[in-house]
Amino acid sequence: MSMFIKLEVSPEVASQPDLVSKLVEVCPVDIFDQDDGKLRIVEENEDECTLCDLCIEAAPEGAVQVIKLYED
């Protein structure tokens, strides 16, 4: 269970094998994985997120959201 960051990916992107592969490839901390071409978020890695925005840049606008579970 993540304490600091929660990632949300639109169902449309999560089911497109080419976009799933791209997300898996760009994440430096292995938050994304694929299972039969569908996206799986590795919840135990979510708090390793470095806020690099590579996943946001790799997907269509608004398809990936990084939600901070803490106050600035």
PDB file of N, CA and C in Angstrom:
ATOM      1  N   MET A   1       0.846  -1.184   0.000  1.00  0.00           N
ATOM      2  CA  MET A   1       0.000   0.000   0.000  1.00  0.00           C
ATOM      3  C   MET A   1       0.891   1.248   0.000  1.00  0.00           C
ATOM      4  N   SER A   2       0.615   2.135  -0.926  1.00  0.00           N
ATOM      5  CA  SER A   2       1.429   3.341  -1.027  1.00  0.00           C
ATOM      6  C   SER A   2       1.026   4.355   0.047  1.00  0.00           C
ATOM      7  N   MET A   3       2.029   5.100   0.492  1.00  0.00           N
ATOM      8  CA  MET A   3       1.798   6.110   1.515  1.00  0.00           C
ATOM      9  C   MET A   3       1.950   7.522   0.967  1.00  0.00           C
ATOM     10  N   PHE A   4       2.743   7.677  -0.099  1.00  0.00           N
ATOM     11  CA  PHE A   4       3.068   9.010  -0.578  1.00  0.00           C
ATOM     12  C   PHE A   4       2.497   9.321  -1.953  1.00  0.00           C
ATOM     13  N   ILE A   5       2.495   8.313  -2.820  1.00  0.00           N
ATOM     14  CA  ILE A   5       2.096   8.514  -4.214  1.00  0.00           C
ATOM     15  C   ILE A   5       1.102   7.431  -4.623  1.00  0.00           C
ATOM     16  N   LYS A   6       0.138   7.814  -5.418  1.00  0.00           N
ATOM     17  CA  LYS A   6      -0.801   6.877  -6.021  1.00  0.00           C
ATOM     18  C   LYS A   6      -0.854   7.209  -7.504  1.00  0.00           C
ATOM     19  N   LEU A   7      -0.684   6.199  -8.336  1.00  0.00           N
ATOM     20  CA  LEU A   7      -0.756   6.406  -9.780  1.00  0.00           C
ATOM     21  C   LEU A   7      -2.073   5.885 -10.319  1.00  0.00           C
ATOM     22  N   GLU A   8      -2.656   6.655 -11.205  1.00  0.00           N
ATOM     23  CA  GLU A   8      -3.881   6.242 -11.888  1.00  0.00           C
ATOM     24  C   GLU A   8      -3.638   6.338 -13.388  1.00  0.00           C
ATOM     25  N   VAL A   9      -4.050   5.290 -14.092  1.00  0.00           N
ATOM     26  CA  VAL A   9      -3.900   5.227 -15.539  1.00  0.00           C
ATOM     27  C   VAL A   9      -5.280   4.945 -16.121  1.00  0.00           C
ATOM     28  N   SER A  10      -5.638   5.686 -17.156  1.00  0.00           N
ATOM     29  CA  SER A  10      -6.951   5.499 -17.765  1.00  0.00           C
ATOM     30  C   SER A  10      -7.085   4.070 -18.287  1.00  0.00           C
ATOM     31  N   PRO A  11      -8.278   3.506 -18.210  1.00  0.00           N
ATOM     32  CA  PRO A  11      -8.501   2.141 -18.701  1.00  0.00           C
ATOM     33  C   PRO A  11      -8.145   1.978 -20.180  1.00  0.00           C
ATOM     34  N   GLU A  12      -8.331   3.034 -20.969  1.00  0.00           N
ATOM     35  CA  GLU A  12      -8.010   2.960 -22.392  1.00  0.00           C
ATOM     36  C   GLU A  12      -6.518   2.714 -22.608  1.00  0.00           C
ATOM     37  N   VAL A  13      -5.684   3.422 -21.860  1.00  0.00           N
ATOM     38  CA  VAL A  13      -4.233   3.258 -21.975  1.00  0.00           C
ATOM     39  C   VAL A  13      -3.803   1.926 -21.370  1.00  0.00           C
ATOM     40  N   ALA A  14      -4.391   1.559 -20.245  1.00  0.00           N
ATOM     41  CA  ALA A  14      -4.012   0.332 -19.544  1.00  0.00           C
ATOM     42  C   ALA A  14      -4.289  -0.929 -20.351  1.00  0.00           C
ATOM     43  N   SER A  15      -5.114  -0.814 -21.383  1.00  0.00           N
ATOM     44  CA  SER A  15      -5.446  -1.993 -22.183  1.00  0.00           C
ATOM     45  C   SER A  15      -4.816  -1.973 -23.575  1.00  0.00           C
ATOM     46  N   GLN A  16      -3.989  -0.955 -23.871  1.00  0.00           N
ATOM     47  CA  GLN A  16      -3.322  -0.868 -25.174  1.00  0.00           C
ATOM     48  C   GLN A  16      -1.880  -1.366 -25.038  1.00  0.00           C
ATOM     49  N   PRO A  17      -1.575  -2.545 -25.560  1.00  0.00           N
ATOM     50  CA  PRO A  17      -0.252  -3.146 -25.371  1.00  0.00           C
ATOM     51  C   PRO A  17       0.925  -2.246 -25.741  1.00  0.00           C
ATOM     52  N   ASP A  18       0.802  -1.443 -26.789  1.00  0.00           N
ATOM     53  CA  ASP A  18       1.921  -0.577 -27.166  1.00  0.00           C
ATOM     54  C   ASP A  18       2.179   0.506 -26.121  1.00  0.00           C
ATOM     55  N   LEU A  19       1.115   1.091 -25.580  1.00  0.00           N
ATOM     56  CA  LEU A  19       1.276   2.110 -24.543  1.00  0.00           C
ATOM     57  C   LEU A  19       1.712   1.488 -23.222  1.00  0.00           C
ATOM     58  N   VAL A  20       1.221   0.297 -22.927  1.00  0.00           N
ATOM     59  CA  VAL A  20       1.633  -0.407 -21.715  1.00  0.00           C
ATOM     60  C   VAL A  20       3.136  -0.671 -21.770  1.00  0.00           C
ATOM     61  N   SER A  21       3.616  -1.161 -22.896  1.00  0.00           N
ATOM     62  CA  SER A  21       5.048  -1.429 -23.055  1.00  0.00           C
ATOM     63  C   SER A  21       5.872  -0.160 -22.871  1.00  0.00           C
ATOM     64  N   LYS A  22       5.363   0.937 -23.391  1.00  0.00           N
ATOM     65  CA  LYS A  22       6.069   2.223 -23.275  1.00  0.00           C
ATOM     66  C   LYS A  22       6.168   2.663 -21.809  1.00  0.00           C
ATOM     67  N   LEU A  23       5.074   2.508 -21.061  1.00  0.00           N
ATOM     68  CA  LEU A  23       5.090   2.881 -19.648  1.00  0.00           C
ATOM     69  C   LEU A  23       6.054   2.006 -18.856  1.00  0.00           C
ATOM     70  N   VAL A  24       6.034   0.715 -19.140  1.00  0.00           N
ATOM     71  CA  VAL A  24       6.950  -0.213 -18.459  1.00  0.00           C
ATOM     72  C   VAL A  24       8.393   0.183 -18.747  1.00  0.00           C
ATOM     73  N   GLU A  25       8.660   0.547 -19.984  1.00  0.00           N
ATOM     74  CA  GLU A  25      10.015   0.889 -20.416  1.00  0.00           C
ATOM     75  C   GLU A  25      10.539   2.181 -19.790  1.00  0.00           C
ATOM     76  N   VAL A  26       9.695   3.210 -19.701  1.00  0.00           N
ATOM     77  CA  VAL A  26      10.185   4.521 -19.273  1.00  0.00           C
ATOM     78  C   VAL A  26      10.324   4.679 -17.764  1.00  0.00           C
ATOM     79  N   CYS A  27       9.635   3.891 -16.986  1.00  0.00           N
ATOM     80  CA  CYS A  27       9.659   4.088 -15.529  1.00  0.00           C
ATOM     81  C   CYS A  27      10.981   3.602 -14.931  1.00  0.00           C
ATOM     82  N   PRO A  28      11.738   4.510 -14.321  1.00  0.00           N
ATOM     83  CA  PRO A  28      13.035   4.131 -13.768  1.00  0.00           C
ATOM     84  C   PRO A  28      12.950   3.321 -12.470  1.00  0.00           C
ATOM     85  N   VAL A  29      11.775   3.256 -11.859  1.00  0.00           N
ATOM     86  CA  VAL A  29      11.646   2.541 -10.583  1.00  0.00           C
ATOM     87  C   VAL A  29      10.640   1.389 -10.644  1.00  0.00           C
ATOM     88  N   ASP A  30      10.351   0.927 -11.847  1.00  0.00           N
ATOM     89  CA  ASP A  30       9.540  -0.278 -12.062  1.00  0.00           C
ATOM     90  C   ASP A  30       8.173  -0.255 -11.389  1.00  0.00           C
ATOM     91  N   ILE A  31       7.480   0.848 -11.550  1.00  0.00           N
ATOM     92  CA  ILE A  31       6.124   0.944 -11.014  1.00  0.00           C
ATOM     93  C   ILE A  31       5.133   0.218 -11.924  1.00  0.00           C
ATOM     94  N   PHE A  32       5.444   0.155 -13.202  1.00  0.00           N
ATOM     95  CA  PHE A  32       4.542  -0.472 -14.168  1.00  0.00           C
ATOM     96  C   PHE A  32       5.062  -1.833 -14.600  1.00  0.00           C
ATOM     97  N   ASP A  33       4.128  -2.752 -14.798  1.00  0.00           N
ATOM     98  CA  ASP A  33       4.439  -4.082 -15.310  1.00  0.00           C
ATOM     99  C   ASP A  33       3.301  -4.445 -16.251  1.00  0.00           C
ATOM    100  N   GLN A  34       3.493  -5.487 -17.028  1.00  0.00           N
ATOM    101  CA  GLN A  34       2.412  -5.905 -17.918  1.00  0.00           C
ATOM    102  C   GLN A  34       2.096  -7.373 -17.719  1.00  0.00           C
ATOM    103  N   ASP A  35       0.826  -7.669 -17.878  1.00  0.00           N
ATOM    104  CA  ASP A  35       0.332  -9.031 -17.740  1.00  0.00           C
ATOM    105  C   ASP A  35      -0.599  -9.275 -18.919  1.00  0.00           C
ATOM    106  N   ASP A  36      -0.168 -10.116 -19.837  1.00  0.00           N
ATOM    107  CA  ASP A  36      -0.935 -10.384 -21.065  1.00  0.00           C
ATOM    108  C   ASP A  36      -1.271  -9.107 -21.822  1.00  0.00           C
ATOM    109  N   GLY A  37      -0.313  -8.171 -21.877  1.00  0.00           N
ATOM    110  CA  GLY A  37      -0.501  -6.933 -22.617  1.00  0.00           C
ATOM    111  C   GLY A  37      -1.280  -5.865 -21.887  1.00  0.00           C
ATOM    112  N   LYS A  38      -1.736  -6.160 -20.685  1.00  0.00           N
ATOM    113  CA  LYS A  38      -2.485  -5.175 -19.893  1.00  0.00           C
ATOM    114  C   LYS A  38      -1.596  -4.644 -18.779  1.00  0.00           C
ATOM    115  N   LEU A  39      -1.817  -3.402 -18.442  1.00  0.00           N
ATOM    116  CA  LEU A  39      -1.010  -2.734 -17.438  1.00  0.00           C
ATOM    117  C   LEU A  39      -1.321  -3.243 -16.036  1.00  0.00           C
ATOM    118  N   ARG A  40      -0.259  -3.409 -15.276  1.00  0.00           N
ATOM    119  CA  ARG A  40      -0.387  -3.709 -13.854  1.00  0.00           C
ATOM    120  C   ARG A  40       0.494  -2.723 -13.119  1.00  0.00           C
ATOM    121  N   ILE A  41      -0.071  -2.034 -12.147  1.00  0.00           N
ATOM    122  CA  ILE A  41       0.702  -1.116 -11.319  1.00  0.00           C
ATOM    123  C   ILE A  41       1.244  -1.923 -10.146  1.00  0.00           C
ATOM    124  N   VAL A  42       2.553  -1.866  -9.974  1.00  0.00           N
ATOM    125  CA  VAL A  42       3.218  -2.579  -8.885  1.00  0.00           C
ATOM    126  C   VAL A  42       3.118  -1.688  -7.644  1.00  0.00           C
ATOM    127  N   GLU A  43       2.091  -1.943  -6.846  1.00  0.00           N
ATOM    128  CA  GLU A  43       1.777  -1.060  -5.721  1.00  0.00           C
ATOM    129  C   GLU A  43       2.921  -0.915  -4.735  1.00  0.00           C
ATOM    130  N   GLU A  44       3.687  -1.983  -4.512  1.00  0.00           N
ATOM    131  CA  GLU A  44       4.790  -1.878  -3.545  1.00  0.00           C
ATOM    132  C   GLU A  44       5.917  -0.977  -4.045  1.00  0.00           C
ATOM    133  N   ASN A  45       5.896  -0.607  -5.328  1.00  0.00           N
ATOM    134  CA  ASN A  45       6.914   0.289  -5.877  1.00  0.00           C
ATOM    135  C   ASN A  45       6.422   1.732  -6.023  1.00  0.00           C
ATOM    136  N   GLU A  46       5.149   1.969  -5.797  1.00  0.00           N
ATOM    137  CA  GLU A  46       4.608   3.315  -6.026  1.00  0.00           C
ATOM    138  C   GLU A  46       5.333   4.391  -5.221  1.00  0.00           C
ATOM    139  N   ASP A  47       5.674   4.096  -3.990  1.00  0.00           N
ATOM    140  CA  ASP A  47       6.339   5.104  -3.164  1.00  0.00           C
ATOM    141  C   ASP A  47       7.779   5.352  -3.588  1.00  0.00           C
ATOM    142  N   GLU A  48       8.270   4.598  -4.556  1.00  0.00           N
ATOM    143  CA  GLU A  48       9.611   4.835  -5.100  1.00  0.00           C
ATOM    144  C   GLU A  48       9.585   5.893  -6.200  1.00  0.00           C
ATOM    145  N   CYS A  49       8.401   6.344  -6.577  1.00  0.00           N
ATOM    146  CA  CYS A  49       8.248   7.323  -7.649  1.00  0.00           C
ATOM    147  C   CYS A  49       9.123   8.542  -7.386  1.00  0.00           C
ATOM    148  N   THR A  50       9.859   8.949  -8.418  1.00  0.00           N
ATOM    149  CA  THR A  50      10.756  10.100  -8.306  1.00  0.00           C
ATOM    150  C   THR A  50      10.133  11.379  -8.881  1.00  0.00           C
ATOM    151  N   LEU A  51       8.875  11.289  -9.279  1.00  0.00           N
ATOM    152  CA  LEU A  51       8.154  12.429  -9.868  1.00  0.00           C
ATOM    153  C   LEU A  51       8.855  12.944 -11.120  1.00  0.00           C
ATOM    154  N   CYS A  52       9.425  12.039 -11.898  1.00  0.00           N
ATOM    155  CA  CYS A  52      10.160  12.413 -13.106  1.00  0.00           C
ATOM    156  C   CYS A  52       9.243  12.785 -14.271  1.00  0.00           C
ATOM    157  N   ASP A  53       7.975  12.394 -14.204  1.00  0.00           N
ATOM    158  CA  ASP A  53       6.961  12.687 -15.225  1.00  0.00           C
ATOM    159  C   ASP A  53       7.160  11.937 -16.538  1.00  0.00           C
ATOM    160  N   LEU A  54       8.077  10.966 -16.594  1.00  0.00           N
ATOM    161  CA  LEU A  54       8.278  10.218 -17.836  1.00  0.00           C
ATOM    162  C   LEU A  54       7.030   9.444 -18.240  1.00  0.00           C
ATOM    163  N   CYS A  55       6.302   8.915 -17.269  1.00  0.00           N
ATOM    164  CA  CYS A  55       5.071   8.182 -17.589  1.00  0.00           C
ATOM    165  C   CYS A  55       4.001   9.131 -18.124  1.00  0.00           C
ATOM    166  N   ILE A  56       3.938  10.320 -17.577  1.00  0.00           N
ATOM    167  CA  ILE A  56       2.957  11.315 -18.033  1.00  0.00           C
ATOM    168  C   ILE A  56       3.271  11.734 -19.462  1.00  0.00           C
ATOM    169  N   GLU A  57       4.555  11.905 -19.764  1.00  0.00           N
ATOM    170  CA  GLU A  57       4.974  12.291 -21.110  1.00  0.00           C
ATOM    171  C   GLU A  57       4.792  11.159 -22.120  1.00  0.00           C
ATOM    172  N   ALA A  58       4.851   9.905 -21.668  1.00  0.00           N
ATOM    173  CA  ALA A  58       4.763   8.747 -22.566  1.00  0.00           C
ATOM    174  C   ALA A  58       3.336   8.411 -22.964  1.00  0.00           C
ATOM    175  N   ALA A  59       2.375   8.925 -22.252  1.00  0.00           N
ATOM    176  CA  ALA A  59       0.965   8.589 -22.494  1.00  0.00           C
ATOM    177  C   ALA A  59       0.225   9.810 -23.039  1.00  0.00           C
ATOM    178  N   PRO A  60      -0.941   9.576 -23.636  1.00  0.00           N
ATOM    179  CA  PRO A  60      -1.755  10.708 -24.080  1.00  0.00           C
ATOM    180  C   PRO A  60      -2.082  11.635 -22.896  1.00  0.00           C
ATOM    181  N   GLU A  61      -2.287  12.884 -23.211  1.00  0.00           N
ATOM    182  CA  GLU A  61      -2.551  13.881 -22.177  1.00  0.00           C
ATOM    183  C   GLU A  61      -3.696  13.459 -21.259  1.00  0.00           C
ATOM    184  N   GLY A  62      -3.440  13.517 -19.961  1.00  0.00           N
ATOM    185  CA  GLY A  62      -4.446  13.203 -18.956  1.00  0.00           C
ATOM    186  C   GLY A  62      -4.634  11.724 -18.678  1.00  0.00           C
ATOM    187  N   ALA A  63      -3.930  10.856 -19.390  1.00  0.00           N
ATOM    188  CA  ALA A  63      -4.132   9.413 -19.234  1.00  0.00           C
ATOM    189  C   ALA A  63      -3.441   8.845 -18.005  1.00  0.00           C
ATOM    190  N   VAL A  64      -2.367   9.490 -17.554  1.00  0.00           N
ATOM    191  CA  VAL A  64      -1.648   9.054 -16.362  1.00  0.00           C
ATOM    192  C   VAL A  64      -1.657  10.192 -15.374  1.00  0.00           C
ATOM    193  N   GLN A  65      -2.029   9.877 -14.144  1.00  0.00           N
ATOM    194  CA  GLN A  65      -2.041  10.893 -13.091  1.00  0.00           C
ATOM    195  C   GLN A  65      -1.225  10.398 -11.911  1.00  0.00           C
ATOM    196  N   VAL A  66      -0.363  11.264 -11.415  1.00  0.00           N
ATOM    197  CA  VAL A  66       0.392  10.988 -10.205  1.00  0.00           C
ATOM    198  C   VAL A  66      -0.270  11.803  -9.098  1.00  0.00           C
ATOM    199  N   ILE A  67      -0.845  11.108  -8.159  1.00  0.00           N
ATOM    200  CA  ILE A  67      -1.573  11.758  -7.078  1.00  0.00           C
ATOM    201  C   ILE A  67      -0.727  11.726  -5.814  1.00  0.00           C
ATOM    202  N   LYS A  68      -0.427  12.882  -5.283  1.00  0.00           N
ATOM    203  CA  LYS A  68       0.354  12.976  -4.057  1.00  0.00           C
ATOM    204  C   LYS A  68      -0.604  12.790  -2.873  1.00  0.00           C
ATOM    205  N   LEU A  69      -0.282  11.859  -2.014  1.00  0.00           N
ATOM    206  CA  LEU A  69      -1.121  11.545  -0.866  1.00  0.00           C
ATOM    207  C   LEU A  69      -0.662  12.284   0.389  1.00  0.00           C
ATOM    208  N   TYR A  70       0.079  13.352   0.198  1.00  0.00           N
ATOM    209  CA  TYR A  70       0.596  14.134   1.311  1.00  0.00           C
ATOM    210  C   TYR A  70       0.401  15.604   0.973  1.00  0.00           C
ATOM    211  N   GLU A  71       0.518  16.424   1.954  1.00  0.00           N
ATOM    212  CA  GLU A  71       0.389  17.865   1.745  1.00  0.00           C
ATOM    213  C   GLU A  71       1.757  18.468   1.529  1.00  0.00           C
ATOM    214  N   ASP A  72       1.836  19.474   0.639  1.00  0.00           N
ATOM    215  CA  ASP A  72       3.114  20.174   0.390  1.00  0.00           C
ATOM    216  C   ASP A  72       3.490  21.013   1.575  1.00  0.00           C
TER     217      ASP A  72
END
